[in-house]
Amino acid sequence: MGWDATRMEGFWETLHRRDVFRFSFWHRLRYRLSTLFGEGPKYPALLDNRYLLDLLTSVIDVQRLRDVAPELVVTATDVCRSRLRYFSGSELTPRHILASCSIPVVFPWCEIDGEFYWDGGIMANTPLLPALESGAREIVIVLLAPLTGSAVPPPANTRGAVAWALDLATIASVKVLGAEFFERAGMDVQESADKLARENFIDAGGTRLLLVAPRDTSGVGSLFDLGPKLTGERIEQGYRDACAQLAALLG
């Protein structure tokens, strides 16, 4: 998938170092000064993304990224035009990967060819369109937030409320795109959405959707913890969720 295994030794340790996820006081100060003197904001974010870009450049084999099959499509949000952009094939670079994970406020927008881009999940957390246009007949949707069809306990504290609010924004994006998909297939939107959340798969218009989603939220604090321990726990939990949710379908 474009990752060079020979350069992956120590990747997680490097990723977790302060020079990758480092709060930049200098850039925050420069942002404040530019605002004070009426200049355009340069770094409206908590962290500097240059170090993450250096890391991505060091571990991604660009040619493999472009030639991989099935085709890799990267989604980003055009900040100034409030629209989605899809990048694929020969245009892909580590900068496009960086743009696709530039969470607003956490990271600065990523500049590509004079345009500014944030994380594509802002406008489409589950971008189904590229898969449908490529003729996919089976689409696996992997979510980072629970898509529940029944009631869940309300948040118990402020931290939980912030985390759940972010999860709700993610779920809303999924439901909007899902509704459009079901409408195109001539299906009842609410009934189909409930079935997908309940059974983790649904056949719609010749295309089968498979859903894998966590049973609970990891919390907003997990956005900043990409260390080996928590990452390993997430991978294990994701594997267990996938086995449990797709067991009947996959046998």
Protein backbone atom coordinates (compact mmCIF):
# COMPACT_ATOMS: atom_id res chain seq x y z
CA MET A 1 0.00 0.00 0.00
CA GLY A 2 2.92 2.37 -0.52
CA TRP A 3 4.64 1.79 2.83
CA ASP A 4 8.32 0.87 2.60
CA ALA A 5 8.84 -1.88 5.17
CA THR A 6 12.62 -1.36 5.20
CA ARG A 7 12.10 2.15 6.58
CA MET A 8 9.43 1.32 9.14
CA GLU A 9 11.74 0.36 12.04
CA GLY A 10 11.05 2.68 14.93
CA PHE A 11 8.13 4.32 13.12
CA TRP A 12 5.78 4.42 16.10
CA GLU A 13 8.51 5.72 18.39
CA THR A 14 9.34 8.47 15.90
CA LEU A 15 5.67 9.33 15.42
CA HIS A 16 5.22 9.77 19.15
CA ARG A 17 8.23 12.03 19.56
CA ARG A 18 7.71 15.70 20.43
CA ASP A 19 9.12 16.81 17.06
CA VAL A 20 6.06 15.30 15.32
CA PHE A 21 3.24 16.15 17.73
CA ARG A 22 4.73 19.27 19.22
CA PHE A 23 2.87 22.35 20.36
CA SER A 24 4.54 25.23 18.51
CA PHE A 25 4.64 28.38 20.66
CA TRP A 26 6.53 30.22 17.91
CA HIS A 27 3.85 29.62 15.32
CA ARG A 28 1.11 30.51 17.78
CA LEU A 29 2.92 33.77 18.55
CA ARG A 30 3.42 34.54 14.87
CA TYR A 31 -0.27 33.83 14.22
CA ARG A 32 -1.26 36.26 17.00
CA LEU A 33 1.10 38.96 15.77
CA SER A 34 -0.08 38.64 12.16
CA THR A 35 -3.67 38.99 13.35
CA LEU A 36 -2.76 41.99 15.51
CA PHE A 37 -1.15 43.79 12.56
CA GLY A 38 -3.97 42.97 10.18
CA GLU A 39 -2.12 40.36 8.13
CA GLY A 40 -3.58 37.07 7.00
CA PRO A 41 -3.46 34.21 9.53
CA LYS A 42 -0.63 31.79 8.74
CA TYR A 43 -0.93 29.10 11.39
CA PRO A 44 -4.43 28.92 12.93
CA ALA A 45 -3.65 25.60 14.64
CA LEU A 46 -2.17 24.09 17.79
CA LEU A 47 0.52 21.99 16.12
CA ASP A 48 2.99 22.37 13.28
CA ASN A 49 2.56 19.79 10.50
CA ARG A 50 6.01 20.10 8.91
CA TYR A 51 7.44 17.37 11.12
CA LEU A 52 4.63 14.98 10.26
CA LEU A 53 5.18 15.71 6.57
CA ASP A 54 8.88 14.86 6.96
CA LEU A 55 7.91 11.56 8.59
CA LEU A 56 5.39 10.66 5.87
CA THR A 57 7.94 11.49 3.18
CA SER A 58 10.49 9.19 4.82
CA VAL A 59 8.22 6.12 5.05
CA ILE A 60 5.96 6.33 1.98
CA ASP A 61 7.05 4.91 -1.37
CA VAL A 62 5.24 7.36 -3.67
CA GLN A 63 5.34 5.16 -6.77
CA ARG A 64 3.80 2.21 -4.95
CA LEU A 65 1.18 4.57 -3.56
CA ARG A 66 0.22 5.61 -7.09
CA ASP A 67 0.27 2.13 -8.61
CA VAL A 68 -1.46 0.18 -5.83
CA ALA A 69 -4.52 -1.90 -6.72
CA PRO A 70 -7.33 -1.39 -5.87
CA GLU A 71 -6.77 2.29 -6.59
CA LEU A 72 -6.13 4.52 -3.59
CA VAL A 73 -8.27 7.68 -3.47
CA VAL A 74 -7.50 10.38 -0.91
CA THR A 75 -10.18 12.85 0.17
CA ALA A 76 -9.53 16.40 1.36
CA THR A 77 -11.69 19.45 2.08
CA ASP A 78 -11.02 22.64 0.11
CA VAL A 79 -11.05 25.20 2.94
CA CYS A 80 -11.84 28.30 0.86
CA ARG A 81 -14.32 26.73 -1.54
CA SER A 82 -16.02 24.45 1.02
CA ARG A 83 -16.00 21.43 -1.27
CA LEU A 84 -14.51 17.96 -1.43
CA ARG A 85 -11.53 17.05 -3.57
CA TYR A 86 -10.53 13.53 -4.52
CA PHE A 87 -6.89 12.80 -5.32
CA SER A 88 -5.60 9.58 -6.88
CA GLY A 89 -3.11 8.03 -9.26
CA SER A 90 -0.12 10.02 -10.49
CA GLU A 91 -1.06 13.16 -8.56
CA LEU A 92 -0.65 11.52 -5.13
CA THR A 93 2.20 12.68 -2.89
CA PRO A 94 2.86 12.59 0.87
CA ARG A 95 1.45 16.13 0.99
CA HIS A 96 -1.94 14.82 -0.16
CA ILE A 97 -1.85 12.23 2.63
CA LEU A 98 -1.02 15.03 5.06
CA ALA A 99 -3.95 17.08 3.78
CA SER A 100 -6.34 14.17 4.31
CA CYS A 101 -5.46 14.00 8.02
CA SER A 102 -5.10 17.73 8.77
CA ILE A 103 -7.70 17.99 11.52
CA PRO A 104 -8.83 21.64 11.86
CA VAL A 105 -7.41 23.53 14.84
CA VAL A 106 -5.13 20.57 15.68
CA PHE A 107 -3.10 20.93 12.46
CA PRO A 108 -2.75 23.81 9.97
CA TRP A 109 -4.38 23.42 6.61
CA CYS A 110 -2.11 21.86 3.99
CA GLU A 111 -1.27 23.99 0.95
CA ILE A 112 -1.28 22.19 -2.42
CA ASP A 113 -0.89 24.14 -5.68
CA GLY A 114 -1.91 27.36 -3.94
CA GLU A 115 -5.08 25.89 -2.41
CA PHE A 116 -5.68 25.11 1.28
CA TYR A 117 -6.97 21.71 2.41
CA TRP A 118 -8.19 20.20 5.67
CA ASP A 119 -9.17 16.65 6.57
CA GLY A 120 -11.69 15.27 4.05
CA GLY A 121 -13.71 13.80 6.93
CA ILE A 122 -15.05 17.25 7.70
CA MET A 123 -17.41 17.03 4.73
CA ALA A 124 -17.44 13.29 3.99
CA ASN A 125 -16.28 10.92 6.69
CA THR A 126 -17.37 8.01 4.49
CA PRO A 127 -16.70 9.03 0.87
CA LEU A 128 -18.64 6.35 -1.01
CA LEU A 129 -18.70 8.12 -4.38
CA PRO A 130 -15.19 7.14 -5.60
CA ALA A 131 -15.86 3.48 -4.78
CA LEU A 132 -19.23 3.55 -6.59
CA GLU A 133 -17.76 5.31 -9.62
CA SER A 134 -15.05 2.65 -9.86
CA GLY A 135 -17.74 -0.05 -10.08
CA ALA A 136 -17.31 -1.53 -6.60
CA ARG A 137 -19.89 -4.18 -5.75
CA GLU A 138 -18.78 -4.68 -2.15
CA ILE A 139 -17.80 -1.75 0.06
CA VAL A 140 -16.43 -2.13 3.59
CA ILE A 141 -17.13 0.94 5.75
CA VAL A 142 -14.82 1.21 8.77
CA LEU A 143 -15.89 3.85 11.30
CA LEU A 144 -14.09 5.36 14.28
CA ALA A 145 -17.36 6.15 16.05
CA PRO A 146 -20.24 3.82 16.95
CA LEU A 147 -23.16 3.86 14.52
CA THR A 148 -25.87 2.86 16.95
CA GLY A 149 -29.44 2.01 16.14
CA SER A 150 -30.47 2.00 19.81
CA ALA A 151 -30.04 4.40 22.72
CA VAL A 152 -26.63 4.75 24.38
CA PRO A 153 -25.87 6.24 27.83
CA PRO A 154 -25.42 10.04 27.82
CA PRO A 155 -21.92 11.48 28.48
CA ALA A 156 -20.95 11.43 32.17
CA ASN A 157 -18.56 14.43 32.13
CA THR A 158 -17.32 17.34 30.02
CA ARG A 159 -14.56 15.33 28.37
CA GLY A 160 -17.08 12.67 27.41
CA ALA A 161 -19.47 15.31 26.08
CA VAL A 162 -16.77 16.79 23.79
CA ALA A 163 -15.82 13.33 22.54
CA TRP A 164 -19.43 12.36 21.86
CA ALA A 165 -20.11 15.68 20.09
CA LEU A 166 -17.23 14.93 17.71
CA ASP A 167 -18.54 11.41 17.22
CA LEU A 168 -22.01 12.76 16.42
CA ALA A 169 -20.53 15.00 13.72
CA THR A 170 -18.83 11.94 12.24
CA ILE A 171 -22.00 9.87 12.40
CA ALA A 172 -24.00 12.69 10.77
CA SER A 173 -21.66 12.68 7.78
CA VAL A 174 -22.04 8.92 7.43
CA LYS A 175 -25.83 9.11 7.62
CA VAL A 176 -26.09 11.88 5.03
CA LEU A 177 -24.01 9.96 2.51
CA GLY A 178 -25.83 6.73 3.38
CA ALA A 179 -29.20 8.40 2.83
CA GLU A 180 -28.13 9.56 -0.63
CA PHE A 181 -26.91 6.05 -1.43
CA PHE A 182 -30.16 4.41 -0.31
CA GLU A 183 -32.26 6.96 -2.19
CA ARG A 184 -30.36 6.21 -5.40
CA ALA A 185 -31.07 2.51 -4.86
CA GLY A 186 -34.80 3.25 -4.37
CA MET A 187 -34.78 2.03 -0.75
CA ASP A 188 -36.42 3.40 2.40
CA VAL A 189 -33.69 5.56 3.96
CA GLN A 190 -34.48 5.15 7.66
CA GLU A 191 -35.31 1.47 7.44
CA SER A 192 -32.13 0.76 5.46
CA ALA A 193 -29.95 2.79 7.85
CA ASP A 194 -31.38 0.95 10.86
CA LYS A 195 -30.78 -2.40 9.18
CA LEU A 196 -27.16 -1.51 8.40
CA ALA A 197 -26.53 -0.38 11.99
CA ARG A 198 -28.25 -3.47 13.39
CA GLU A 199 -26.96 -6.21 11.09
CA ASN A 200 -23.68 -4.65 9.83
CA PHE A 201 -24.45 -5.35 6.18
CA ILE A 202 -27.09 -4.60 3.58
CA ASP A 203 -27.60 -5.27 -0.14
CA ALA A 204 -28.55 -2.14 -2.00
CA GLY A 205 -28.99 -1.79 -5.72
CA GLY A 206 -26.47 -4.50 -6.58
CA THR A 207 -23.87 -3.20 -4.14
CA ARG A 208 -23.30 -4.73 -0.73
CA LEU A 209 -22.31 -2.48 2.17
CA LEU A 210 -20.39 -4.00 5.08
CA LEU A 211 -20.05 -2.03 8.31
CA VAL A 212 -17.39 -2.25 11.02
CA ALA A 213 -17.76 0.21 13.89
CA PRO A 214 -16.56 0.35 17.51
CA ARG A 215 -19.06 -0.40 20.25
CA ASP A 216 -18.02 2.69 22.22
CA THR A 217 -16.01 5.88 21.71
CA SER A 218 -12.28 6.18 22.46
CA GLY A 219 -12.64 9.80 23.54
CA VAL A 220 -11.21 13.01 22.14
CA GLY A 221 -7.96 12.58 24.09
CA SER A 222 -7.05 9.58 21.96
CA LEU A 223 -6.51 11.91 18.98
CA PHE A 224 -3.17 12.88 20.47
CA ASP A 225 -2.03 9.47 21.67
CA LEU A 226 -0.51 7.53 18.78
CA GLY A 227 1.94 5.58 20.90
CA PRO A 228 2.51 1.84 20.37
CA LYS A 229 0.45 0.78 23.41
CA LEU A 230 -2.84 2.51 22.62
CA THR A 231 -2.42 1.95 18.88
CA GLY A 232 -1.96 -1.76 19.47
CA GLU A 233 -5.04 -1.84 21.67
CA ARG A 234 -7.07 -0.10 18.96
CA ILE A 235 -5.91 -2.59 16.33
CA GLU A 236 -6.85 -5.54 18.55
CA GLN A 237 -10.24 -4.04 19.38
CA GLY A 238 -10.90 -3.29 15.71
CA TYR A 239 -10.07 -6.89 14.81
CA ARG A 240 -12.44 -8.23 17.48
CA ASP A 241 -15.21 -5.86 16.39
CA ALA A 242 -14.77 -6.88 12.74
CA CYS A 243 -14.88 -10.59 13.61
CA ALA A 244 -17.98 -10.19 15.75
CA GLN A 245 -19.87 -7.90 13.38
CA LEU A 246 -19.09 -9.71 10.13
CA ALA A 247 -19.00 -13.29 11.45
CA ALA A 248 -22.40 -14.31 10.07
CA LEU A 249 -21.69 -12.79 6.67
CA LEU A 250 -18.17 -14.15 6.26
CA GLY A 251 -18.74 -17.47 7.98
